[in-house]
Amino acid sequence: VLSYLSSIQLKNYGADVFIINILGLGIVRELGPIL
């Protein structure tokens, strides 16, 4: 879900490669422990 929603916005700005940063930091640092 996080990757799908983020990719919709990143496509609009041509920043597809930053999906790795969003998922990596978001999941490893915050979402993983909280979840």
Full PDB file with SEQRES, HELIX, SHEET, SSBOND, CRYST1, ORIGX, SCALE, CONECT and MASTER records, all heavy atoms in Angstrom:
SEQRES   1 A   35  VAL LEU SER TYR LEU SER SER ILE GLN LEU LYS ASN TYR          
SEQRES   2 A   35  GLY ALA ASP VAL PHE ILE ILE ASN ILE LEU GLY LEU GLY          
SEQRES   3 A   35  ILE VAL ARG GLU LEU GLY PRO ILE LEU                          
HELIX    1 AA1 LEU A    2  TYR A   13  1                                  12    
HELIX    2 AA2 ASP A   16  PHE A   18  5                                   3    
HELIX    3 AA3 ILE A   19  LEU A   25  1                                   7    
HELIX    4 AA4 GLY A   26  LEU A   31  3                                   6    
HELIX    5 AA5 GLY A   32  ILE A   34  1                                   3    
CRYST1    1.000    1.000    1.000  90.00  90.00  90.00 P 1           1          
ORIGX1      1.000000  0.000000  0.000000        0.00000                         
ORIGX2      0.000000  1.000000  0.000000        0.00000                         
ORIGX3      0.000000  0.000000  1.000000        0.00000                         
SCALE1      1.000000  0.000000  0.000000        0.00000                         
SCALE2      0.000000  1.000000  0.000000        0.00000                         
SCALE3      0.000000  0.000000  1.000000        0.00000                         
ATOM      1  N   VAL A   1       0.827  -1.204   0.000  1.00  0.00           N  
ATOM      2  CA  VAL A   1       0.000   0.000   0.000  1.00  0.00           C  
ATOM      3  C   VAL A   1       0.864   1.257   0.000  1.00  0.00           C  
ATOM      4  O   VAL A   1       0.613   2.213  -0.757  1.00  0.00           O  
ATOM      5  CB  VAL A   1      -0.944  -0.016   1.222  1.00  0.00           C  
ATOM      6  CG1 VAL A   1      -1.679   1.312   1.352  1.00  0.00           C  
ATOM      7  CG2 VAL A   1      -1.942  -1.155   1.103  1.00  0.00           C  
ATOM      8  N   LEU A   2       1.896   1.283   0.843  1.00  0.00           N  
ATOM      9  CA  LEU A   2       2.761   2.461   0.912  1.00  0.00           C  
ATOM     10  C   LEU A   2       3.481   2.698  -0.413  1.00  0.00           C  
ATOM     11  O   LEU A   2       3.575   3.835  -0.893  1.00  0.00           O  
ATOM     12  CB  LEU A   2       3.774   2.287   2.043  1.00  0.00           C  
ATOM     13  CG  LEU A   2       4.751   3.440   2.262  1.00  0.00           C  
ATOM     14  CD1 LEU A   2       4.011   4.707   2.641  1.00  0.00           C  
ATOM     15  CD2 LEU A   2       5.763   3.076   3.350  1.00  0.00           C  
ATOM     16  N   SER A   3       3.970   1.633  -1.015  1.00  0.00           N  
ATOM     17  CA  SER A   3       4.672   1.770  -2.287  1.00  0.00           C  
ATOM     18  C   SER A   3       3.717   2.214  -3.401  1.00  0.00           C  
ATOM     19  O   SER A   3       4.060   3.067  -4.227  1.00  0.00           O  
ATOM     20  CB  SER A   3       5.334   0.450  -2.664  1.00  0.00           C  
ATOM     21  OG  SER A   3       5.959   0.538  -3.914  1.00  0.00           O  
ATOM     22  N   TYR A   4       2.527   1.659  -3.396  1.00  0.00           N  
ATOM     23  CA  TYR A   4       1.558   2.010  -4.445  1.00  0.00           C  
ATOM     24  C   TYR A   4       1.159   3.483  -4.357  1.00  0.00           C  
ATOM     25  O   TYR A   4       1.139   4.206  -5.360  1.00  0.00           O  
ATOM     26  CB  TYR A   4       0.336   1.109  -4.322  1.00  0.00           C  
ATOM     27  CG  TYR A   4      -0.770   1.442  -5.299  1.00  0.00           C  
ATOM     28  CD1 TYR A   4      -0.679   1.077  -6.640  1.00  0.00           C  
ATOM     29  CD2 TYR A   4      -1.892   2.142  -4.877  1.00  0.00           C  
ATOM     30  CE1 TYR A   4      -1.684   1.400  -7.534  1.00  0.00           C  
ATOM     31  CE2 TYR A   4      -2.905   2.459  -5.761  1.00  0.00           C  
ATOM     32  CZ  TYR A   4      -2.798   2.085  -7.093  1.00  0.00           C  
ATOM     33  OH  TYR A   4      -3.795   2.408  -7.974  1.00  0.00           O  
ATOM     34  N   LEU A   5       0.841   3.948  -3.145  1.00  0.00           N  
ATOM     35  CA  LEU A   5       0.416   5.340  -2.990  1.00  0.00           C  
ATOM     36  C   LEU A   5       1.562   6.309  -3.260  1.00  0.00           C  
ATOM     37  O   LEU A   5       1.355   7.387  -3.826  1.00  0.00           O  
ATOM     38  CB  LEU A   5      -0.135   5.556  -1.575  1.00  0.00           C  
ATOM     39  CG  LEU A   5      -1.419   4.789  -1.231  1.00  0.00           C  
ATOM     40  CD1 LEU A   5      -1.822   5.049   0.204  1.00  0.00           C  
ATOM     41  CD2 LEU A   5      -2.551   5.167  -2.177  1.00  0.00           C  
ATOM     42  N   SER A   6       2.763   5.939  -2.838  1.00  0.00           N  
ATOM     43  CA  SER A   6       3.911   6.827  -3.082  1.00  0.00           C  
ATOM     44  C   SER A   6       4.254   6.909  -4.559  1.00  0.00           C  
ATOM     45  O   SER A   6       4.624   7.971  -5.071  1.00  0.00           O  
ATOM     46  CB  SER A   6       5.123   6.335  -2.283  1.00  0.00           C  
ATOM     47  OG  SER A   6       4.851   6.312  -0.902  1.00  0.00           O  
ATOM     48  N   SER A   7       4.136   5.789  -5.255  1.00  0.00           N  
ATOM     49  CA  SER A   7       4.501   5.773  -6.673  1.00  0.00           C  
ATOM     50  C   SER A   7       3.582   6.660  -7.499  1.00  0.00           C  
ATOM     51  O   SER A   7       3.997   7.246  -8.504  1.00  0.00           O  
ATOM     52  CB  SER A   7       4.465   4.340  -7.203  1.00  0.00           C  
ATOM     53  OG  SER A   7       3.154   3.801  -7.123  1.00  0.00           O  
ATOM     54  N   ILE A   8       2.312   6.797  -7.076  1.00  0.00           N  
ATOM     55  CA  ILE A   8       1.388   7.653  -7.811  1.00  0.00           C  
ATOM     56  C   ILE A   8       1.870   9.104  -7.794  1.00  0.00           C  
ATOM     57  O   ILE A   8       1.821   9.819  -8.806  1.00  0.00           O  
ATOM     58  CB  ILE A   8      -0.025   7.534  -7.215  1.00  0.00           C  
ATOM     59  CG1 ILE A   8      -0.566   6.118  -7.422  1.00  0.00           C  
ATOM     60  CG2 ILE A   8      -0.958   8.562  -7.847  1.00  0.00           C  
ATOM     61  CD1 ILE A   8      -1.913   5.884  -6.773  1.00  0.00           C  
ATOM     62  N   GLN A   9       2.356   9.566  -6.652  1.00  0.00           N  
ATOM     63  CA  GLN A   9       2.844  10.937  -6.548  1.00  0.00           C  
ATOM     64  C   GLN A   9       4.210  11.111  -7.202  1.00  0.00           C  
ATOM     65  O   GLN A   9       4.488  12.139  -7.825  1.00  0.00           O  
ATOM     66  CB  GLN A   9       2.916  11.345  -5.068  1.00  0.00           C  
ATOM     67  CG  GLN A   9       1.581  11.283  -4.349  1.00  0.00           C  
ATOM     68  CD  GLN A   9       0.557  12.215  -4.965  1.00  0.00           C  
ATOM     69  OE1 GLN A   9       0.873  13.322  -5.380  1.00  0.00           O  
ATOM     70  NE2 GLN A   9      -0.693  11.750  -5.026  1.00  0.00           N  
ATOM     71  N   LEU A  10       5.086  10.116  -7.057  1.00  0.00           N  
ATOM     72  CA  LEU A  10       6.429  10.248  -7.625  1.00  0.00           C  
ATOM     73  C   LEU A  10       6.398  10.274  -9.146  1.00  0.00           C  
ATOM     74  O   LEU A  10       7.256  10.901  -9.777  1.00  0.00           O  
ATOM     75  CB  LEU A  10       7.309   9.095  -7.129  1.00  0.00           C  
ATOM     76  CG  LEU A  10       7.639   9.107  -5.630  1.00  0.00           C  
ATOM     77  CD1 LEU A  10       8.414   7.851  -5.250  1.00  0.00           C  
ATOM     78  CD2 LEU A  10       8.438  10.347  -5.267  1.00  0.00           C  
ATOM     79  N   LYS A  11       5.430   9.608  -9.748  1.00  0.00           N  
ATOM     80  CA  LYS A  11       5.325   9.634 -11.206  1.00  0.00           C  
ATOM     81  C   LYS A  11       5.086  11.051 -11.719  1.00  0.00           C  
ATOM     82  O   LYS A  11       5.586  11.440 -12.780  1.00  0.00           O  
ATOM     83  CB  LYS A  11       4.178   8.724 -11.662  1.00  0.00           C  
ATOM     84  CG  LYS A  11       4.522   7.254 -11.733  1.00  0.00           C  
ATOM     85  CD  LYS A  11       3.320   6.474 -12.259  1.00  0.00           C  
ATOM     86  CE  LYS A  11       3.630   4.996 -12.373  1.00  0.00           C  
ATOM     87  NZ  LYS A  11       2.457   4.229 -12.882  1.00  0.00           N  
ATOM     88  N   ASN A  12       4.331  11.820 -10.961  1.00  0.00           N  
ATOM     89  CA  ASN A  12       4.000  13.173 -11.409  1.00  0.00           C  
ATOM     90  C   ASN A  12       5.227  14.081 -11.477  1.00  0.00           C  
ATOM     91  O   ASN A  12       5.231  15.062 -12.226  1.00  0.00           O  
ATOM     92  CB  ASN A  12       2.959  13.793 -10.465  1.00  0.00           C  
ATOM     93  CG  ASN A  12       1.648  13.028 -10.486  1.00  0.00           C  
ATOM     94  OD1 ASN A  12       1.291  12.422 -11.508  1.00  0.00           O  
ATOM     95  ND2 ASN A  12       0.935  13.043  -9.376  1.00  0.00           N  
ATOM     96  N   TYR A  13       6.252  13.792 -10.681  1.00  0.00           N  
ATOM     97  CA  TYR A  13       7.443  14.630 -10.633  1.00  0.00           C  
ATOM     98  C   TYR A  13       8.669  13.956 -11.260  1.00  0.00           C  
ATOM     99  O   TYR A  13       9.776  14.494 -11.185  1.00  0.00           O  
ATOM    100  CB  TYR A  13       7.760  15.008  -9.177  1.00  0.00           C  
ATOM    101  CG  TYR A  13       6.658  15.795  -8.516  1.00  0.00           C  
ATOM    102  CD1 TYR A  13       5.719  15.156  -7.712  1.00  0.00           C  
ATOM    103  CD2 TYR A  13       6.541  17.170  -8.716  1.00  0.00           C  
ATOM    104  CE1 TYR A  13       4.689  15.870  -7.111  1.00  0.00           C  
ATOM    105  CE2 TYR A  13       5.512  17.889  -8.102  1.00  0.00           C  
ATOM    106  CZ  TYR A  13       4.595  17.236  -7.302  1.00  0.00           C  
ATOM    107  OH  TYR A  13       3.582  17.942  -6.712  1.00  0.00           O  
ATOM    108  N   GLY A  14       8.485  12.788 -11.823  1.00  0.00           N  
ATOM    109  CA  GLY A  14       9.605  12.091 -12.445  1.00  0.00           C  
ATOM    110  C   GLY A  14      10.668  11.658 -11.455  1.00  0.00           C  
ATOM    111  O   GLY A  14      11.841  11.571 -11.812  1.00  0.00           O  
ATOM    112  N   ALA A  15      10.272  11.399 -10.220  1.00  0.00           N  
ATOM    113  CA  ALA A  15      11.228  11.029  -9.157  1.00  0.00           C  
ATOM    114  C   ALA A  15      11.004   9.580  -8.752  1.00  0.00           C  
ATOM    115  O   ALA A  15      10.923   9.257  -7.562  1.00  0.00           O  
ATOM    116  CB  ALA A  15      11.096  11.959  -7.969  1.00  0.00           C  
ATOM    117  N   ASP A  16      10.920   8.695  -9.741  1.00  0.00           N  
ATOM    118  CA  ASP A  16      10.601   7.298  -9.462  1.00  0.00           C  
ATOM    119  C   ASP A  16      11.621   6.641  -8.540  1.00  0.00           C  
ATOM    120  O   ASP A  16      11.272   5.832  -7.685  1.00  0.00           O  
ATOM    121  CB  ASP A  16      10.514   6.507 -10.773  1.00  0.00           C  
ATOM    122  CG  ASP A  16       9.412   7.032 -11.668  1.00  0.00           C  
ATOM    123  OD1 ASP A  16       8.757   8.016 -11.271  1.00  0.00           O  
ATOM    124  OD2 ASP A  16       9.218   6.467 -12.764  1.00  0.00           O  
ATOM    125  N   VAL A  17      12.901   6.976  -8.696  1.00  0.00           N  
ATOM    126  CA  VAL A  17      13.950   6.290  -7.960  1.00  0.00           C  
ATOM    127  C   VAL A  17      13.877   6.568  -6.463  1.00  0.00           C  
ATOM    128  O   VAL A  17      14.375   5.791  -5.642  1.00  0.00           O  
ATOM    129  CB  VAL A  17      15.333   6.702  -8.515  1.00  0.00           C  
ATOM    130  CG1 VAL A  17      15.665   8.147  -8.130  1.00  0.00           C  
ATOM    131  CG2 VAL A  17      16.413   5.742  -8.027  1.00  0.00           C  
ATOM    132  N   PHE A  18      13.223   7.655  -6.073  1.00  0.00           N  
ATOM    133  CA  PHE A  18      13.148   7.989  -4.646  1.00  0.00           C  
ATOM    134  C   PHE A  18      12.154   7.109  -3.893  1.00  0.00           C  
ATOM    135  O   PHE A  18      12.007   7.264  -2.670  1.00  0.00           O  
ATOM    136  CB  PHE A  18      12.777   9.463  -4.477  1.00  0.00           C  
ATOM    137  CG  PHE A  18      13.882  10.405  -4.842  1.00  0.00           C  
ATOM    138  CD1 PHE A  18      13.841  11.103  -6.038  1.00  0.00           C  
ATOM    139  CD2 PHE A  18      14.977  10.578  -4.006  1.00  0.00           C  
ATOM    140  CE1 PHE A  18      14.859  11.969  -6.384  1.00  0.00           C  
ATOM    141  CE2 PHE A  18      15.999  11.441  -4.347  1.00  0.00           C  
ATOM    142  CZ  PHE A  18      15.951  12.139  -5.550  1.00  0.00           C  
ATOM    143  N   ILE A  19      11.490   6.216  -4.589  1.00  0.00           N  
ATOM    144  CA  ILE A  19      10.640   5.259  -3.901  1.00  0.00           C  
ATOM    145  C   ILE A  19      11.456   4.397  -2.954  1.00  0.00           C  
ATOM    146  O   ILE A  19      10.972   3.955  -1.893  1.00  0.00           O  
ATOM    147  CB  ILE A  19       9.873   4.389  -4.920  1.00  0.00           C  
ATOM    148  CG1 ILE A  19       8.811   3.531  -4.234  1.00  0.00           C  
ATOM    149  CG2 ILE A  19      10.830   3.505  -5.696  1.00  0.00           C  
ATOM    150  CD1 ILE A  19       7.673   4.289  -3.664  1.00  0.00           C  
ATOM    151  N   ILE A  20      12.713   4.163  -3.294  1.00  0.00           N  
ATOM    152  CA  ILE A  20      13.586   3.363  -2.424  1.00  0.00           C  
ATOM    153  C   ILE A  20      13.837   4.098  -1.114  1.00  0.00           C  
ATOM    154  O   ILE A  20      13.790   3.503  -0.026  1.00  0.00           O  
ATOM    155  CB  ILE A  20      14.909   3.053  -3.151  1.00  0.00           C  
ATOM    156  CG1 ILE A  20      14.630   2.315  -4.466  1.00  0.00           C  
ATOM    157  CG2 ILE A  20      15.838   2.232  -2.272  1.00  0.00           C  
ATOM    158  CD1 ILE A  20      15.858   2.097  -5.322  1.00  0.00           C  
ATOM    159  N   ASN A  21      14.100   5.393  -1.185  1.00  0.00           N  
ATOM    160  CA  ASN A  21      14.326   6.174   0.038  1.00  0.00           C  
ATOM    161  C   ASN A  21      13.082   6.219   0.912  1.00  0.00           C  
ATOM    162  O   ASN A  21      13.164   6.079   2.137  1.00  0.00           O  
ATOM    163  CB  ASN A  21      14.751   7.595  -0.330  1.00  0.00           C  
ATOM    164  CG  ASN A  21      16.015   7.622  -1.160  1.00  0.00           C  
ATOM    165  OD1 ASN A  21      16.039   7.113  -2.283  1.00  0.00           O  
ATOM    166  ND2 ASN A  21      17.074   8.214  -0.643  1.00  0.00           N  
ATOM    167  N   ILE A  22      11.940   6.432   0.280  1.00  0.00           N  
ATOM    168  CA  ILE A  22      10.696   6.536   1.049  1.00  0.00           C  
ATOM    169  C   ILE A  22      10.388   5.226   1.766  1.00  0.00           C  
ATOM    170  O   ILE A  22      10.091   5.194   2.967  1.00  0.00           O  
ATOM    171  CB  ILE A  22       9.543   6.951   0.131  1.00  0.00           C  
ATOM    172  CG1 ILE A  22       9.762   8.372  -0.389  1.00  0.00           C  
ATOM    173  CG2 ILE A  22       8.204   6.852   0.862  1.00  0.00           C  
ATOM    174  CD1 ILE A  22       8.734   8.810  -1.400  1.00  0.00           C  
ATOM    175  N   LEU A  23      10.463   4.137   1.013  1.00  0.00           N  
ATOM    176  CA  LEU A  23      10.155   2.850   1.622  1.00  0.00           C  
ATOM    177  C   LEU A  23      11.200   2.456   2.654  1.00  0.00           C  
ATOM    178  O   LEU A  23      10.865   1.962   3.744  1.00  0.00           O  
ATOM    179  CB  LEU A  23      10.064   1.771   0.539  1.00  0.00           C  
ATOM    180  CG  LEU A  23       8.870   1.857  -0.417  1.00  0.00           C  
ATOM    181  CD1 LEU A  23       8.963   0.771  -1.473  1.00  0.00           C  
ATOM    182  CD2 LEU A  23       7.575   1.727   0.358  1.00  0.00           C  
ATOM    183  N   GLY A  24      12.471   2.664   2.329  1.00  0.00           N  
ATOM    184  CA  GLY A  24      13.537   2.255   3.242  1.00  0.00           C  
ATOM    185  C   GLY A  24      13.454   2.980   4.580  1.00  0.00           C  
ATOM    186  O   GLY A  24      13.385   2.353   5.644  1.00  0.00           O  
ATOM    187  N   LEU A  25      13.449   4.320   4.530  1.00  0.00           N  
ATOM    188  CA  LEU A  25      13.408   5.092   5.770  1.00  0.00           C  
ATOM    189  C   LEU A  25      12.066   4.911   6.499  1.00  0.00           C  
ATOM    190  O   LEU A  25      12.033   4.757   7.724  1.00  0.00           O  
ATOM    191  CB  LEU A  25      13.646   6.573   5.483  1.00  0.00           C  
ATOM    192  CG  LEU A  25      15.106   6.979   5.233  1.00  0.00           C  
ATOM    193  CD1 LEU A  25      15.176   8.440   4.829  1.00  0.00           C  
ATOM    194  CD2 LEU A  25      15.942   6.735   6.478  1.00  0.00           C  
ATOM    195  N   GLY A  26      10.985   4.946   5.746  1.00  0.00           N  
ATOM    196  CA  GLY A  26       9.669   4.849   6.382  1.00  0.00           C  
ATOM    197  C   GLY A  26       9.443   3.529   7.087  1.00  0.00           C  
ATOM    198  O   GLY A  26       8.928   3.490   8.205  1.00  0.00           O  
ATOM    199  N   ILE A  27       9.852   2.434   6.433  1.00  0.00           N  
ATOM    200  CA  ILE A  27       9.606   1.109   7.004  1.00  0.00           C  
ATOM    201  C   ILE A  27      10.628   0.774   8.078  1.00  0.00           C  
ATOM    202  O   ILE A  27      10.267   0.367   9.195  1.00  0.00           O  
ATOM    203  CB  ILE A  27       9.595   0.053   5.888  1.00  0.00           C  
ATOM    204  CG1 ILE A  27       8.361   0.242   5.005  1.00  0.00           C  
ATOM    205  CG2 ILE A  27       9.621  -1.348   6.474  1.00  0.00           C  
ATOM    206  CD1 ILE A  27       8.328  -0.649   3.785  1.00  0.00           C  
ATOM    207  N   VAL A  28      11.913   0.937   7.773  1.00  0.00           N  
ATOM    208  CA  VAL A  28      12.946   0.510   8.716  1.00  0.00           C  
ATOM    209  C   VAL A  28      12.953   1.383   9.966  1.00  0.00           C  
ATOM    210  O   VAL A  28      13.078   0.879  11.089  1.00  0.00           O  
ATOM    211  CB  VAL A  28      14.332   0.532   8.028  1.00  0.00           C  
ATOM    212  CG1 VAL A  28      15.437   0.236   9.044  1.00  0.00           C  
ATOM    213  CG2 VAL A  28      14.362  -0.482   6.901  1.00  0.00           C  
ATOM    214  N   ARG A  29      12.787   2.675   9.800  1.00  0.00           N  
ATOM    215  CA  ARG A  29      12.926   3.581  10.944  1.00  0.00           C  
ATOM    216  C   ARG A  29      11.634   3.709  11.757  1.00  0.00           C  
ATOM    217  O   ARG A  29      11.696   3.765  12.993  1.00  0.00           O  
ATOM    218  CB  ARG A  29      13.355   4.965  10.438  1.00  0.00           C  
ATOM    219  CG  ARG A  29      13.704   5.949  11.564  1.00  0.00           C  
ATOM    220  CD  ARG A  29      14.080   7.296  10.995  1.00  0.00           C  
ATOM    221  NE  ARG A  29      14.375   8.255  12.042  1.00  0.00           N  
ATOM    222  CZ  ARG A  29      15.586   8.527  12.509  1.00  0.00           C  
ATOM    223  NH1 ARG A  29      16.645   7.892  12.011  1.00  0.00           N  
ATOM    224  NH2 ARG A  29      15.748   9.411  13.467  1.00  0.00           N  
ATOM    225  N   GLU A  30      10.462   3.767  11.108  1.00  0.00           N  
ATOM    226  CA  GLU A  30       9.240   4.068  11.833  1.00  0.00           C  
ATOM    227  C   GLU A  30       8.175   2.972  11.728  1.00  0.00           C  
ATOM    228  O   GLU A  30       7.718   2.451  12.731  1.00  0.00           O  
ATOM    229  CB  GLU A  30       8.651   5.397  11.339  1.00  0.00           C  
ATOM    230  CG  GLU A  30       9.470   6.612  11.708  1.00  0.00           C  
ATOM    231  CD  GLU A  30       9.561   6.830  13.209  1.00  0.00           C  
ATOM    232  OE1 GLU A  30       8.625   6.413  13.923  1.00  0.00           O  
ATOM    233  OE2 GLU A  30      10.560   7.394  13.675  1.00  0.00           O  
ATOM    234  N   LEU A  31       7.758   2.650  10.508  1.00  0.00           N  
ATOM    235  CA  LEU A  31       6.619   1.761  10.356  1.00  0.00           C  
ATOM    236  C   LEU A  31       6.880   0.362  10.891  1.00  0.00           C  
ATOM    237  O   LEU A  31       5.991  -0.247  11.504  1.00  0.00           O  
ATOM    238  CB  LEU A  31       6.209   1.678   8.883  1.00  0.00           C  
ATOM    239  CG  LEU A  31       5.409   2.864   8.338  1.00  0.00           C  
ATOM    240  CD1 LEU A  31       5.074   2.640   6.883  1.00  0.00           C  
ATOM    241  CD2 LEU A  31       4.140   3.058   9.146  1.00  0.00           C  
ATOM    242  N   GLY A  32       8.079  -0.153  10.679  1.00  0.00           N  
ATOM    243  CA  GLY A  32       8.395  -1.500  11.164  1.00  0.00           C  
ATOM    244  C   GLY A  32       8.245  -1.635  12.668  1.00  0.00           C  
ATOM    245  O   GLY A  32       7.503  -2.503  13.157  1.00  0.00           O  
ATOM    246  N   PRO A  33       8.938  -0.796  13.465  1.00  0.00           N  
ATOM    247  CA  PRO A  33       8.780  -0.905  14.925  1.00  0.00           C  
ATOM    248  C   PRO A  33       7.358  -0.655  15.413  1.00  0.00           C  
ATOM    249  O   PRO A  33       6.854  -1.388  16.274  1.00  0.00           O  
ATOM    250  CB  PRO A  33       9.751   0.170  15.448  1.00  0.00           C  
ATOM    251  CG  PRO A  33      10.734   0.373  14.361  1.00  0.00           C  
ATOM    252  CD  PRO A  33       9.998   0.148  13.089  1.00  0.00           C  
ATOM    253  N   ILE A  34       6.708   0.391  14.869  1.00  0.00           N  
ATOM    254  CA  ILE A  34       5.347   0.696  15.311  1.00  0.00           C  
ATOM    255  C   ILE A  34       4.395  -0.442  14.963  1.00  0.00           C  
ATOM    256  O   ILE A  34       3.561  -0.868  15.778  1.00  0.00           O  
ATOM    257  CB  ILE A  34       4.874   2.010  14.679  1.00  0.00           C  
ATOM    258  CG1 ILE A  34       5.537   3.197  15.354  1.00  0.00           C  
ATOM    259  CG2 ILE A  34       3.369   2.157  14.767  1.00  0.00           C  
ATOM    260  CD1 ILE A  34       5.054   3.461  16.754  1.00  0.00           C  
ATOM    261  N   LEU A  35       4.503  -0.944  13.734  1.00  0.00           N  
ATOM    262  CA  LEU A  35       3.604  -1.998  13.286  1.00  0.00           C  
ATOM    263  C   LEU A  35       3.766  -3.255  14.128  1.00  0.00           C  
ATOM    264  O   LEU A  35       2.787  -3.831  14.612  1.00  0.00           O  
ATOM    265  CB  LEU A  35       3.879  -2.305  11.814  1.00  0.00           C  
ATOM    266  CG  LEU A  35       2.958  -3.295  11.124  1.00  0.00           C  
ATOM    267  CD1 LEU A  35       1.563  -2.721  11.049  1.00  0.00           C  
ATOM    268  CD2 LEU A  35       3.479  -3.618   9.732  1.00  0.00           C  
TER     269      LEU A  35                                                      
MASTER        0    0    0    5    0    0    0    6  268    1    0    3          
END                                                                             
